[in-house]
Amino acid sequence: MQLVVFAVVLILPAFLSAASLSGIQYISNCDGYIKQGGELLCEIQNTTYLDYDREKCTLICGNGEGPKLPNGVCSNGVVNCTSEVEKKLEHWDLKIQEYQTHF
Protein backbone atom coordinates (compact mmCIF):
# COMPACT_ATOMS: atom_id res chain seq x y z
CA MET A 1 0.00 0.00 0.00
CA GLN A 2 2.79 2.40 0.88
CA LEU A 3 4.47 1.59 -2.41
CA VAL A 4 1.32 2.55 -4.34
CA VAL A 5 0.99 5.86 -2.50
CA PHE A 6 4.68 6.54 -3.02
CA ALA A 7 4.38 5.82 -6.77
CA VAL A 8 1.33 8.09 -7.11
CA VAL A 9 3.10 10.90 -5.25
CA LEU A 10 6.07 10.61 -7.63
CA ILE A 11 4.15 10.11 -10.89
CA LEU A 12 1.24 12.55 -10.49
CA PRO A 13 3.38 15.73 -10.58
CA ALA A 14 5.07 14.47 -13.76
CA PHE A 15 1.69 14.07 -15.48
CA LEU A 16 0.53 17.48 -14.31
CA SER A 17 3.65 19.26 -15.51
CA ALA A 18 3.53 17.41 -18.85
CA ALA A 19 0.01 18.70 -19.43
CA SER A 20 1.09 22.28 -18.80
CA LEU A 21 4.13 21.89 -21.08
CA SER A 22 2.15 20.39 -23.94
CA GLY A 23 1.30 23.85 -25.29
CA ILE A 24 -2.43 23.45 -24.86
CA GLN A 25 -3.91 26.91 -24.90
CA TYR A 26 -7.45 28.15 -24.46
CA ILE A 27 -8.78 29.79 -27.61
CA SER A 28 -11.95 31.81 -27.23
CA ASN A 29 -14.78 31.62 -29.74
CA CYS A 30 -13.91 35.20 -30.69
CA ASP A 31 -10.34 34.21 -31.57
CA GLY A 32 -11.74 31.32 -33.58
CA TYR A 33 -14.10 33.57 -35.56
CA ILE A 34 -11.32 36.10 -36.18
CA LYS A 35 -8.95 33.39 -37.39
CA GLN A 36 -11.55 31.75 -39.62
CA GLY A 37 -12.75 35.04 -41.09
CA GLY A 38 -9.17 36.25 -41.43
CA GLU A 39 -8.13 33.14 -43.34
CA LEU A 40 -11.04 33.61 -45.75
CA LEU A 41 -10.53 37.37 -46.25
CA CYS A 42 -6.80 37.02 -46.80
CA GLU A 43 -7.40 34.09 -49.17
CA ILE A 44 -9.77 36.27 -51.22
CA GLN A 45 -6.82 38.68 -51.55
CA ASN A 46 -4.60 35.78 -52.71
CA THR A 47 -2.49 35.85 -49.57
CA THR A 48 -2.35 34.13 -46.19
CA TYR A 49 -3.70 35.10 -42.79
CA LEU A 50 -0.97 35.68 -40.21
CA ASP A 51 -2.66 37.19 -37.15
CA TYR A 52 -4.64 40.23 -36.09
CA ASP A 53 -3.49 43.54 -34.67
CA ARG A 54 -5.40 44.26 -31.47
CA GLU A 55 -4.24 47.89 -31.34
CA LYS A 56 -5.37 48.73 -34.87
CA CYS A 57 -8.22 46.19 -34.78
CA THR A 58 -7.19 44.86 -38.19
CA LEU A 59 -6.23 41.54 -39.71
CA ILE A 60 -2.63 40.94 -40.70
CA CYS A 61 -2.35 39.26 -44.09
CA GLY A 62 0.86 38.07 -45.73
CA ASN A 63 0.66 40.82 -48.36
CA GLY A 64 0.67 43.55 -45.69
CA GLU A 65 -3.01 44.37 -46.15
CA GLY A 66 -5.01 44.84 -42.99
CA PRO A 67 -8.77 44.53 -43.38
CA LYS A 68 -10.60 45.99 -40.38
CA LEU A 69 -12.45 43.88 -37.86
CA PRO A 70 -16.08 44.82 -37.20
CA ASN A 71 -16.73 47.99 -35.17
CA GLY A 72 -16.94 47.40 -31.44
CA VAL A 73 -14.78 44.26 -31.40
CA CYS A 74 -11.59 45.87 -30.07
CA SER A 75 -11.44 48.24 -27.14
CA ASN A 76 -8.17 49.77 -25.91
CA GLY A 77 -6.11 47.11 -27.68
CA VAL A 78 -8.13 44.21 -26.28
CA VAL A 79 -10.76 41.92 -27.73
CA ASN A 80 -13.11 41.43 -24.80
CA CYS A 81 -15.03 38.34 -25.89
CA THR A 82 -18.45 39.22 -24.52
CA SER A 83 -21.55 37.56 -25.94
CA GLU A 84 -22.25 40.73 -27.96
CA VAL A 85 -18.74 40.76 -29.47
CA GLU A 86 -18.98 37.04 -30.17
CA LYS A 87 -22.28 37.55 -32.04
CA LYS A 88 -20.74 40.38 -34.10
CA LEU A 89 -17.80 38.20 -35.06
CA GLU A 90 -20.01 35.21 -35.83
CA HIS A 91 -22.18 37.38 -38.13
CA TRP A 92 -19.05 38.87 -39.75
CA ASP A 93 -17.62 35.40 -40.31
CA LEU A 94 -20.87 34.15 -41.89
CA LYS A 95 -20.99 37.17 -44.23
CA ILE A 96 -17.43 36.44 -45.37
CA GLN A 97 -18.32 32.78 -45.97
CA GLU A 98 -21.36 33.79 -48.03
CA TYR A 99 -19.26 36.24 -50.04
CA GLN A 100 -16.59 33.62 -50.69
CA THR A 101 -19.12 31.12 -52.07
CA HIS A 102 -20.03 33.70 -54.74
CA PHE A 103 -16.42 34.68 -55.41
C-alpha atoms as a PDB file:
ATOM      1  CA  MET A   1       0.000   0.000   0.000  1.00  0.00           C
ATOM      2  CA  GLN A   2       2.791   2.403   0.882  1.00  0.00           C
ATOM      3  CA  LEU A   3       4.471   1.591  -2.410  1.00  0.00           C
ATOM      4  CA  VAL A   4       1.316   2.545  -4.341  1.00  0.00           C
ATOM      5  CA  VAL A   5       0.985   5.859  -2.504  1.00  0.00           C
ATOM      6  CA  PHE A   6       4.685   6.539  -3.025  1.00  0.00           C
ATOM      7  CA  ALA A   7       4.376   5.819  -6.768  1.00  0.00           C
ATOM      8  CA  VAL A   8       1.333   8.093  -7.106  1.00  0.00           C
ATOM      9  CA  VAL A   9       3.102  10.896  -5.254  1.00  0.00           C
ATOM     10  CA  LEU A  10       6.068  10.612  -7.634  1.00  0.00           C
ATOM     11  CA  ILE A  11       4.155  10.106 -10.890  1.00  0.00           C
ATOM     12  CA  LEU A  12       1.242  12.552 -10.485  1.00  0.00           C
ATOM     13  CA  PRO A  13       3.380  15.729 -10.579  1.00  0.00           C
ATOM     14  CA  ALA A  14       5.068  14.469 -13.757  1.00  0.00           C
ATOM     15  CA  PHE A  15       1.693  14.066 -15.483  1.00  0.00           C
ATOM     16  CA  LEU A  16       0.529  17.477 -14.310  1.00  0.00           C
ATOM     17  CA  SER A  17       3.651  19.258 -15.512  1.00  0.00           C
ATOM     18  CA  ALA A  18       3.534  17.413 -18.852  1.00  0.00           C
ATOM     19  CA  ALA A  19       0.008  18.697 -19.430  1.00  0.00           C
ATOM     20  CA  SER A  20       1.093  22.280 -18.803  1.00  0.00           C
ATOM     21  CA  LEU A  21       4.127  21.894 -21.083  1.00  0.00           C
ATOM     22  CA  SER A  22       2.147  20.388 -23.936  1.00  0.00           C
ATOM     23  CA  GLY A  23       1.299  23.845 -25.294  1.00  0.00           C
ATOM     24  CA  ILE A  24      -2.430  23.449 -24.863  1.00  0.00           C
ATOM     25  CA  GLN A  25      -3.907  26.911 -24.903  1.00  0.00           C
ATOM     26  CA  TYR A  26      -7.450  28.150 -24.462  1.00  0.00           C
ATOM     27  CA  ILE A  27      -8.782  29.787 -27.608  1.00  0.00           C
ATOM     28  CA  SER A  28     -11.954  31.809 -27.228  1.00  0.00           C
ATOM     29  CA  ASN A  29     -14.783  31.618 -29.739  1.00  0.00           C
ATOM     30  CA  CYS A  30     -13.913  35.202 -30.690  1.00  0.00           C
ATOM     31  CA  ASP A  31     -10.343  34.210 -31.569  1.00  0.00           C
ATOM     32  CA  GLY A  32     -11.736  31.316 -33.584  1.00  0.00           C
ATOM     33  CA  TYR A  33     -14.097  33.566 -35.559  1.00  0.00           C
ATOM     34  CA  ILE A  34     -11.318  36.102 -36.178  1.00  0.00           C
ATOM     35  CA  LYS A  35      -8.945  33.389 -37.386  1.00  0.00           C
ATOM     36  CA  GLN A  36     -11.553  31.747 -39.623  1.00  0.00           C
ATOM     37  CA  GLY A  37     -12.751  35.040 -41.085  1.00  0.00           C
ATOM     38  CA  GLY A  38      -9.174  36.249 -41.434  1.00  0.00           C
ATOM     39  CA  GLU A  39      -8.129  33.145 -43.338  1.00  0.00           C
ATOM     40  CA  LEU A  40     -11.041  33.612 -45.755  1.00  0.00           C
ATOM     41  CA  LEU A  41     -10.528  37.370 -46.254  1.00  0.00           C
ATOM     42  CA  CYS A  42      -6.799  37.020 -46.797  1.00  0.00           C
ATOM     43  CA  GLU A  43      -7.401  34.093 -49.172  1.00  0.00           C
ATOM     44  CA  ILE A  44      -9.771  36.271 -51.217  1.00  0.00           C
ATOM     45  CA  GLN A  45      -6.823  38.682 -51.546  1.00  0.00           C
ATOM     46  CA  ASN A  46      -4.597  35.777 -52.705  1.00  0.00           C
ATOM     47  CA  THR A  47      -2.489  35.848 -49.572  1.00  0.00           C
ATOM     48  CA  THR A  48      -2.353  34.133 -46.188  1.00  0.00           C
ATOM     49  CA  TYR A  49      -3.701  35.097 -42.787  1.00  0.00           C
ATOM     50  CA  LEU A  50      -0.972  35.682 -40.215  1.00  0.00           C
ATOM     51  CA  ASP A  51      -2.662  37.190 -37.155  1.00  0.00           C
ATOM     52  CA  TYR A  52      -4.642  40.230 -36.094  1.00  0.00           C
ATOM     53  CA  ASP A  53      -3.491  43.544 -34.670  1.00  0.00           C
ATOM     54  CA  ARG A  54      -5.397  44.259 -31.466  1.00  0.00           C
ATOM     55  CA  GLU A  55      -4.241  47.886 -31.336  1.00  0.00           C
ATOM     56  CA  LYS A  56      -5.372  48.734 -34.869  1.00  0.00           C
ATOM     57  CA  CYS A  57      -8.217  46.185 -34.780  1.00  0.00           C
ATOM     58  CA  THR A  58      -7.190  44.861 -38.190  1.00  0.00           C
ATOM     59  CA  LEU A  59      -6.235  41.541 -39.705  1.00  0.00           C
ATOM     60  CA  ILE A  60      -2.632  40.942 -40.696  1.00  0.00           C
ATOM     61  CA  CYS A  61      -2.349  39.260 -44.086  1.00  0.00           C
ATOM     62  CA  GLY A  62       0.865  38.074 -45.726  1.00  0.00           C
ATOM     63  CA  ASN A  63       0.661  40.822 -48.355  1.00  0.00           C
ATOM     64  CA  GLY A  64       0.671  43.549 -45.687  1.00  0.00           C
ATOM     65  CA  GLU A  65      -3.007  44.368 -46.153  1.00  0.00           C
ATOM     66  CA  GLY A  66      -5.006  44.845 -42.995  1.00  0.00           C
ATOM     67  CA  PRO A  67      -8.773  44.533 -43.384  1.00  0.00           C
ATOM     68  CA  LYS A  68     -10.599  45.985 -40.380  1.00  0.00           C
ATOM     69  CA  LEU A  69     -12.446  43.882 -37.861  1.00  0.00           C
ATOM     70  CA  PRO A  70     -16.085  44.823 -37.197  1.00  0.00           C
ATOM     71  CA  ASN A  71     -16.725  47.986 -35.165  1.00  0.00           C
ATOM     72  CA  GLY A  72     -16.940  47.400 -31.441  1.00  0.00           C
ATOM     73  CA  VAL A  73     -14.784  44.262 -31.402  1.00  0.00           C
ATOM     74  CA  CYS A  74     -11.589  45.866 -30.067  1.00  0.00           C
ATOM     75  CA  SER A  75     -11.441  48.240 -27.144  1.00  0.00           C
ATOM     76  CA  ASN A  76      -8.175  49.770 -25.915  1.00  0.00           C
ATOM     77  CA  GLY A  77      -6.109  47.114 -27.676  1.00  0.00           C
ATOM     78  CA  VAL A  78      -8.126  44.212 -26.283  1.00  0.00           C
ATOM     79  CA  VAL A  79     -10.765  41.916 -27.730  1.00  0.00           C
ATOM     80  CA  ASN A  80     -13.107  41.434 -24.799  1.00  0.00           C
ATOM     81  CA  CYS A  81     -15.030  38.344 -25.892  1.00  0.00           C
ATOM     82  CA  THR A  82     -18.451  39.223 -24.519  1.00  0.00           C
ATOM     83  CA  SER A  83     -21.553  37.556 -25.937  1.00  0.00           C
ATOM     84  CA  GLU A  84     -22.247  40.729 -27.955  1.00  0.00           C
ATOM     85  CA  VAL A  85     -18.745  40.756 -29.473  1.00  0.00           C
ATOM     86  CA  GLU A  86     -18.976  37.036 -30.167  1.00  0.00           C
ATOM     87  CA  LYS A  87     -22.280  37.550 -32.042  1.00  0.00           C
ATOM     88  CA  LYS A  88     -20.742  40.384 -34.104  1.00  0.00           C
ATOM     89  CA  LEU A  89     -17.803  38.195 -35.062  1.00  0.00           C
ATOM     90  CA  GLU A  90     -20.014  35.213 -35.832  1.00  0.00           C
ATOM     91  CA  HIS A  91     -22.179  37.377 -38.131  1.00  0.00           C
ATOM     92  CA  TRP A  92     -19.048  38.875 -39.753  1.00  0.00           C
ATOM     93  CA  ASP A  93     -17.619  35.397 -40.313  1.00  0.00           C
ATOM     94  CA  LEU A  94     -20.874  34.151 -41.886  1.00  0.00           C
ATOM     95  CA  LYS A  95     -20.989  37.166 -44.232  1.00  0.00           C
ATOM     96  CA  ILE A  96     -17.433  36.439 -45.370  1.00  0.00           C
ATOM     97  CA  GLN A  97     -18.317  32.781 -45.971  1.00  0.00           C
ATOM     98  CA  GLU A  98     -21.361  33.790 -48.030  1.00  0.00           C
ATOM     99  CA  TYR A  99     -19.260  36.243 -50.038  1.00  0.00           C
ATOM    100  CA  GLN A 100     -16.590  33.624 -50.688  1.00  0.00           C
ATOM    101  CA  THR A 101     -19.123  31.124 -52.070  1.00  0.00           C
ATOM    102  CA  HIS A 102     -20.032  33.696 -54.743  1.00  0.00           C
ATOM    103  CA  PHE A 103     -16.422  34.676 -55.407  1.00  0.00           C
END
